[in-house]
C-alpha atoms as a PDB file:
ATOM      1  CA  MET A   1       0.000   0.000   0.000  1.00  0.00           C
ATOM      2  CA  LEU A   2       1.120   3.571  -0.651  1.00  0.00           C
ATOM      3  CA  LYS A   3       2.280   5.897   2.118  1.00  0.00           C
ATOM      4  CA  SER A   4      -0.414   7.760   4.034  1.00  0.00           C
ATOM      5  CA  TYR A   5       1.642  10.908   4.585  1.00  0.00           C
ATOM      6  CA  PHE A   6       5.043  12.560   4.252  1.00  0.00           C
ATOM      7  CA  ASP A   7       4.916  14.431   7.575  1.00  0.00           C
ATOM      8  CA  ILE A   8       2.326  13.395  10.152  1.00  0.00           C
ATOM      9  CA  ALA A   9       2.440  16.832  11.800  1.00  0.00           C
ATOM     10  CA  LEU A  10       1.430  18.782   8.681  1.00  0.00           C
ATOM     11  CA  VAL A  11      -1.767  19.149   6.661  1.00  0.00           C
ATOM     12  CA  GLU A  12      -0.678  17.799   3.282  1.00  0.00           C
ATOM     13  CA  ALA A  13      -2.286  18.150  -0.116  1.00  0.00           C
ATOM     14  CA  GLY A  14      -1.337  15.735  -2.846  1.00  0.00           C
ATOM     15  CA  CYS A  15      -1.369  17.281  -6.336  1.00  0.00           C
ATOM     16  CA  ASP A  16      -1.332  15.762  -9.802  1.00  0.00           C
ATOM     17  CA  GLU A  17      -2.384  16.602 -13.336  1.00  0.00           C
ATOM     18  CA  ALA A  18      -3.933  14.756 -16.267  1.00  0.00           C
ATOM     19  CA  GLY A  19      -3.768  15.435 -19.982  1.00  0.00           C
ATOM     20  CA  ARG A  20      -0.374  17.077 -20.206  1.00  0.00           C
ATOM     21  CA  GLY A  21       0.626  14.985 -23.220  1.00  0.00           C
ATOM     22  CA  CYS A  22      -2.641  15.311 -25.115  1.00  0.00           C
ATOM     23  CA  LEU A  23      -3.189  16.986 -28.469  1.00  0.00           C
ATOM     24  CA  ALA A  24      -6.667  18.237 -27.605  1.00  0.00           C
ATOM     25  CA  GLY A  25      -8.630  19.297 -24.568  1.00  0.00           C
ATOM     26  CA  PRO A  26      -7.725  21.095 -21.353  1.00  0.00           C
ATOM     27  CA  VAL A  27      -5.138  19.984 -18.848  1.00  0.00           C
ATOM     28  CA  PHE A  28      -6.791  19.043 -15.558  1.00  0.00           C
ATOM     29  CA  ALA A  29      -5.305  18.995 -12.066  1.00  0.00           C
ATOM     30  CA  ALA A  30      -6.524  17.957  -8.648  1.00  0.00           C
ATOM     31  CA  ALA A  31      -5.468  18.610  -5.070  1.00  0.00           C
ATOM     32  CA  VAL A  32      -6.513  16.247  -2.291  1.00  0.00           C
ATOM     33  CA  ILE A  33      -6.103  16.354   1.486  1.00  0.00           C
ATOM     34  CA  LEU A  34      -6.645  12.940   3.044  1.00  0.00           C
ATOM     35  CA  PRO A  35      -6.953  12.006   6.709  1.00  0.00           C
ATOM     36  CA  LYS A  36      -3.672  10.745   8.152  1.00  0.00           C
ATOM     37  CA  ASN A  37      -5.294   7.382   8.887  1.00  0.00           C
ATOM     38  CA  PHE A  38      -6.671   6.969   5.357  1.00  0.00           C
ATOM     39  CA  GLN A  39      -5.903   3.561   3.886  1.00  0.00           C
ATOM     40  CA  ASN A  40      -6.880   1.912   0.633  1.00  0.00           C
ATOM     41  CA  ASP A  41      -5.108  -1.075  -0.889  1.00  0.00           C
ATOM     42  CA  ALA A  42      -6.491  -0.420  -4.381  1.00  0.00           C
ATOM     43  CA  LEU A  43      -5.495   3.232  -4.731  1.00  0.00           C
ATOM     44  CA  ARG A  44      -2.443   3.950  -6.875  1.00  0.00           C
ATOM     45  CA  ASP A  45      -1.346   5.857  -9.965  1.00  0.00           C
ATOM     46  CA  SER A  46      -4.501   6.270 -12.059  1.00  0.00           C
ATOM     47  CA  LYS A  47      -2.662   5.059 -15.166  1.00  0.00           C
ATOM     48  CA  LYS A  48      -2.251   1.676 -13.491  1.00  0.00           C
ATOM     49  CA  LEU A  49      -5.955   1.381 -12.694  1.00  0.00           C
ATOM     50  CA  SER A  50      -8.742   0.142 -14.923  1.00  0.00           C
ATOM     51  CA  LEU A  51     -11.629   2.433 -15.822  1.00  0.00           C
ATOM     52  CA  ARG A  52     -13.848   0.501 -13.434  1.00  0.00           C
ATOM     53  CA  GLN A  53     -11.339   0.877 -10.598  1.00  0.00           C
ATOM     54  CA  ARG A  54     -10.960   4.614 -11.171  1.00  0.00           C
ATOM     55  CA  LEU A  55     -14.705   5.153 -11.223  1.00  0.00           C
ATOM     56  CA  SER A  56     -15.183   3.174  -8.018  1.00  0.00           C
ATOM     57  CA  LEU A  57     -12.380   5.037  -6.234  1.00  0.00           C
ATOM     58  CA  ARG A  58     -13.526   8.515  -7.228  1.00  0.00           C
ATOM     59  CA  PRO A  59     -16.633   8.768  -4.985  1.00  0.00           C
ATOM     60  CA  LEU A  60     -14.728   7.138  -2.133  1.00  0.00           C
ATOM     61  CA  ILE A  61     -11.992   9.771  -2.379  1.00  0.00           C
ATOM     62  CA  GLU A  62     -14.509  12.594  -2.626  1.00  0.00           C
ATOM     63  CA  LYS A  63     -16.372  11.319   0.442  1.00  0.00           C
ATOM     64  CA  GLN A  64     -13.415  10.529   2.690  1.00  0.00           C
ATOM     65  CA  ALA A  65     -11.044  13.367   1.795  1.00  0.00           C
ATOM     66  CA  LEU A  66     -10.819  16.260   4.227  1.00  0.00           C
ATOM     67  CA  ALA A  67     -10.780  18.532   1.182  1.00  0.00           C
ATOM     68  CA  TRP A  68     -10.453  18.123  -2.559  1.00  0.00           C
ATOM     69  CA  ALA A  69     -10.665  20.279  -5.672  1.00  0.00           C
ATOM     70  CA  VAL A  70     -10.305  19.891  -9.430  1.00  0.00           C
ATOM     71  CA  ALA A  71      -9.383  22.628 -11.907  1.00  0.00           C
ATOM     72  CA  SER A  72      -8.449  22.937 -15.571  1.00  0.00           C
ATOM     73  CA  VAL A  73      -6.701  25.189 -18.065  1.00  0.00           C
ATOM     74  CA  GLU A  74      -8.147  25.503 -21.565  1.00  0.00           C
ATOM     75  CA  PRO A  75      -6.275  24.916 -24.843  1.00  0.00           C
ATOM     76  CA  ASP A  76      -6.035  28.610 -25.757  1.00  0.00           C
ATOM     77  CA  GLU A  77      -4.261  29.351 -22.487  1.00  0.00           C
ATOM     78  CA  ILE A  78      -2.057  26.289 -22.940  1.00  0.00           C
ATOM     79  CA  ASP A  79      -1.047  27.768 -26.306  1.00  0.00           C
ATOM     80  CA  SER A  80      -0.336  31.107 -24.658  1.00  0.00           C
ATOM     81  CA  ILE A  81       1.768  29.988 -21.688  1.00  0.00           C
ATOM     82  CA  ASN A  82       2.885  26.458 -22.793  1.00  0.00           C
ATOM     83  CA  ILE A  83       1.791  23.112 -21.405  1.00  0.00           C
ATOM     84  CA  LEU A  84       4.264  22.985 -18.513  1.00  0.00           C
ATOM     85  CA  ASN A  85       3.151  26.341 -17.150  1.00  0.00           C
ATOM     86  CA  ALA A  86      -0.474  25.412 -17.809  1.00  0.00           C
ATOM     87  CA  SER A  87      -0.012  22.261 -15.721  1.00  0.00           C
ATOM     88  CA  PHE A  88       1.383  24.358 -12.862  1.00  0.00           C
ATOM     89  CA  LEU A  89      -1.478  26.823 -13.237  1.00  0.00           C
ATOM     90  CA  ALA A  90      -4.094  24.063 -13.127  1.00  0.00           C
ATOM     91  CA  MET A  91      -2.537  22.742  -9.915  1.00  0.00           C
ATOM     92  CA  HIS A  92      -2.453  26.262  -8.438  1.00  0.00           C
ATOM     93  CA  LYS A  93      -6.132  26.710  -9.277  1.00  0.00           C
ATOM     94  CA  ALA A  94      -7.011  23.397  -7.647  1.00  0.00           C
ATOM     95  CA  ILE A  95      -5.014  24.225  -4.501  1.00  0.00           C
ATOM     96  CA  ASN A  96      -6.633  27.650  -4.383  1.00  0.00           C
ATOM     97  CA  SER A  97     -10.080  25.996  -4.414  1.00  0.00           C
ATOM     98  CA  LEU A  98      -9.402  23.761  -1.417  1.00  0.00           C
ATOM     99  CA  LYS A  99     -11.633  24.509   1.563  1.00  0.00           C
ATOM    100  CA  THR A 100      -8.744  23.690   3.895  1.00  0.00           C
ATOM    101  CA  ILE A 101      -5.392  25.452   3.513  1.00  0.00           C
ATOM    102  CA  PRO A 102      -2.582  22.896   3.328  1.00  0.00           C
ATOM    103  CA  GLN A 103       0.740  23.311   5.111  1.00  0.00           C
ATOM    104  CA  LEU A 104       2.674  21.177   2.631  1.00  0.00           C
ATOM    105  CA  LEU A 105       2.154  20.299  -1.028  1.00  0.00           C
ATOM    106  CA  LEU A 106       3.175  16.903  -2.369  1.00  0.00           C
ATOM    107  CA  ILE A 107       3.651  17.331  -6.116  1.00  0.00           C
ATOM    108  CA  ASP A 108       3.837  14.486  -8.594  1.00  0.00           C
ATOM    109  CA  GLY A 109       6.878  14.960 -10.832  1.00  0.00           C
ATOM    110  CA  ASN A 110      10.170  16.791 -10.653  1.00  0.00           C
ATOM    111  CA  ARG A 111       9.154  20.423 -11.191  1.00  0.00           C
ATOM    112  CA  PHE A 112       6.651  22.871  -9.779  1.00  0.00           C
ATOM    113  CA  ARG A 113       6.154  26.610  -9.513  1.00  0.00           C
ATOM    114  CA  PRO A 114       5.836  27.592  -5.826  1.00  0.00           C
ATOM    115  CA  TYR A 115       2.314  28.344  -4.683  1.00  0.00           C
ATOM    116  CA  LYS A 116       2.108  31.399  -2.417  1.00  0.00           C
ATOM    117  CA  ASN A 117       4.018  30.709   0.806  1.00  0.00           C
ATOM    118  CA  ILE A 118       3.179  26.996   1.076  1.00  0.00           C
ATOM    119  CA  PRO A 119       6.249  24.728   0.915  1.00  0.00           C
ATOM    120  CA  HIS A 120       6.211  21.904  -1.595  1.00  0.00           C
ATOM    121  CA  ILE A 121       8.072  18.709  -2.333  1.00  0.00           C
ATOM    122  CA  CYS A 122       8.341  17.271  -5.842  1.00  0.00           C
ATOM    123  CA  ILE A 123       8.218  13.484  -5.873  1.00  0.00           C
ATOM    124  CA  ILE A 124       9.026  11.569  -9.042  1.00  0.00           C
ATOM    125  CA  LYS A 125       6.339   8.907  -9.561  1.00  0.00           C
ATOM    126  CA  GLY A 126       4.660  10.307  -6.474  1.00  0.00           C
ATOM    127  CA  ASP A 127       1.292   9.010  -7.647  1.00  0.00           C
ATOM    128  CA  ASP A 128       2.612   5.512  -6.989  1.00  0.00           C
ATOM    129  CA  LYS A 129       4.177   6.407  -3.643  1.00  0.00           C
ATOM    130  CA  TYR A 130       1.709   8.583  -1.704  1.00  0.00           C
ATOM    131  CA  LEU A 131      -2.013   8.061  -1.315  1.00  0.00           C
ATOM    132  CA  SER A 132      -2.880  11.757  -1.536  1.00  0.00           C
ATOM    133  CA  ILE A 133      -1.072  12.150  -4.860  1.00  0.00           C
ATOM    134  CA  ALA A 134      -2.655   8.949  -6.175  1.00  0.00           C
ATOM    135  CA  ALA A 135      -6.062  10.273  -5.116  1.00  0.00           C
ATOM    136  CA  ALA A 136      -5.366  13.521  -6.974  1.00  0.00           C
ATOM    137  CA  SER A 137      -4.357  11.560 -10.067  1.00  0.00           C
ATOM    138  CA  VAL A 138      -7.657   9.640  -9.989  1.00  0.00           C
ATOM    139  CA  LEU A 139      -9.751  12.806  -9.641  1.00  0.00           C
ATOM    140  CA  ALA A 140      -7.834  14.651 -12.347  1.00  0.00           C
ATOM    141  CA  LYS A 141      -7.996  11.707 -14.746  1.00  0.00           C
ATOM    142  CA  THR A 142     -11.675  10.886 -14.260  1.00  0.00           C
ATOM    143  CA  ASN A 143     -12.798  14.505 -14.480  1.00  0.00           C
ATOM    144  CA  ARG A 144     -10.777  15.040 -17.643  1.00  0.00           C
ATOM    145  CA  ASP A 145     -12.088  11.829 -19.197  1.00  0.00           C
ATOM    146  CA  ASP A 146     -15.648  12.954 -18.437  1.00  0.00           C
ATOM    147  CA  TYR A 147     -14.961  16.254 -20.187  1.00  0.00           C
ATOM    148  CA  MET A 148     -13.520  14.607 -23.301  1.00  0.00           C
ATOM    149  CA  ILE A 149     -16.488  12.232 -23.514  1.00  0.00           C
ATOM    150  CA  ARG A 150     -18.861  15.220 -23.324  1.00  0.00           C
ATOM    151  CA  ILE A 151     -17.210  17.065 -26.211  1.00  0.00           C
ATOM    152  CA  HIS A 152     -16.837  13.914 -28.335  1.00  0.00           C
ATOM    153  CA  SER A 153     -20.315  14.420 -29.816  1.00  0.00           C
ATOM    154  CA  GLU A 154     -19.266  17.786 -31.284  1.00  0.00           C
ATOM    155  CA  PHE A 155     -16.416  16.250 -33.304  1.00  0.00           C
ATOM    156  CA  PRO A 156     -16.897  12.451 -33.315  1.00  0.00           C
ATOM    157  CA  GLN A 157     -14.387  11.952 -36.126  1.00  0.00           C
ATOM    158  CA  TYR A 158     -11.516  12.482 -33.638  1.00  0.00           C
ATOM    159  CA  ASN A 159     -12.753   9.672 -31.346  1.00  0.00           C
ATOM    160  CA  TRP A 160     -12.185  11.628 -28.141  1.00  0.00           C
ATOM    161  CA  SER A 161     -14.464   9.277 -26.203  1.00  0.00           C
ATOM    162  CA  GLY A 162     -11.889   6.596 -26.917  1.00  0.00           C
ATOM    163  CA  ASN A 163      -8.521   8.356 -27.024  1.00  0.00           C
ATOM    164  CA  LYS A 164      -9.365  11.228 -24.606  1.00  0.00           C
ATOM    165  CA  GLY A 165      -7.365  13.626 -26.777  1.00  0.00           C
ATOM    166  CA  TYR A 166      -4.124  11.655 -26.888  1.00  0.00           C
ATOM    167  CA  GLY A 167      -2.282  11.254 -30.179  1.00  0.00           C
ATOM    168  CA  THR A 168      -3.556   7.885 -31.319  1.00  0.00           C
ATOM    169  CA  LEU A 169      -3.374   6.973 -34.991  1.00  0.00           C
ATOM    170  CA  VAL A 170      -7.102   7.604 -35.458  1.00  0.00           C
ATOM    171  CA  HIS A 171      -6.784  11.015 -33.845  1.00  0.00           C
ATOM    172  CA  ARG A 172      -3.718  11.963 -35.876  1.00  0.00           C
ATOM    173  CA  GLU A 173      -5.314  10.833 -39.124  1.00  0.00           C
ATOM    174  CA  ALA A 174      -8.435  12.838 -38.311  1.00  0.00           C
ATOM    175  CA  ILE A 175      -6.324  15.958 -37.746  1.00  0.00           C
ATOM    176  CA  ALA A 176      -4.650  15.371 -41.091  1.00  0.00           C
ATOM    177  CA  ARG A 177      -8.020  14.983 -42.845  1.00  0.00           C
ATOM    178  CA  TYR A 178     -10.184  17.539 -41.061  1.00  0.00           C
ATOM    179  CA  GLY A 179      -7.742  19.961 -39.472  1.00  0.00           C
ATOM    180  CA  MET A 180      -7.797  21.281 -35.931  1.00  0.00           C
ATOM    181  CA  THR A 181     -10.763  22.272 -33.785  1.00  0.00           C
ATOM    182  CA  LEU A 182     -11.149  24.886 -31.081  1.00  0.00           C
ATOM    183  CA  TYR A 183     -10.268  22.123 -28.609  1.00  0.00           C
ATOM    184  CA  HIS A 184      -6.874  21.383 -30.159  1.00  0.00           C
ATOM    185  CA  ARG A 185      -3.650  22.798 -28.789  1.00  0.00           C
ATOM    186  CA  LYS A 186      -2.462  24.821 -31.722  1.00  0.00           C
ATOM    187  CA  SER A 187       0.988  25.630 -30.346  1.00  0.00           C
ATOM    188  CA  PHE A 188       2.135  22.061 -30.977  1.00  0.00           C
ATOM    189  CA  LYS A 189       4.371  21.675 -34.038  1.00  0.00           C
ATOM    190  CA  TRP A 190       1.932  19.360 -35.751  1.00  0.00           C
ATOM    191  CA  SER A 191       3.969  18.136 -38.691  1.00  0.00           C
ATOM    192  CA  VAL A 192       6.858  17.115 -36.452  1.00  0.00           C
ATOM    193  CA  GLN A 193       4.885  16.145 -33.364  1.00  0.00           C
ATOM    194  CA  LEU A 194       2.369  13.935 -35.110  1.00  0.00           C
ATOM    195  CA  LYS A 195       4.322  12.563 -38.082  1.00  0.00           C
ATOM    196  CA  LEU A 196       1.127  12.795 -40.045  1.00  0.00           C
ATOM    197  CA  PRO A 197       0.521  10.236 -42.781  1.00  0.00           C
ATOM    198  CA  PHE A 198      -1.264  12.826 -44.914  1.00  0.00           C
ATOM    199  CA  ASN A 199      -0.323  16.301 -46.115  1.00  0.00           C
END
């Protein structure tokens, strides 16, 4: 089982994002404060969970967390400030929406832009080491997936209900055939990034 906390004396918020490597859709982030005695054998990095597992864990996290929040940054802002900064911004927005102010931020990954005066620790593969980060990864992933499924009906040719905006072959071929939509991240260097089969 993952670790319940980094420092038992501090109110900790685990933070993670979803959709950073996508070609379309917002980047989502979540921040979660769990009780120090929270335990769950199934919870881990959302990428290692099945859809069914993620969907069963989400309401449990929302119910048992001391505080949680989810936020997103839209494609036009991603294009303006770049995806790394947009990921930081989404996490900042999620932290800012927490009803409880954390004393320490546990960040998945190796980089982060400091949030106000709250100290943070970057933890590589943190979503497979700490329960709060894993919980944030589940909330970010499931909320983003829900969003991509909702907008799928507007542009079904890109198969966002299936690929969630990632650069699958079907998605890349659809971009080559139909061009980009308002949901696509236009700052990507498409011809190089996608290695499109059509021109």
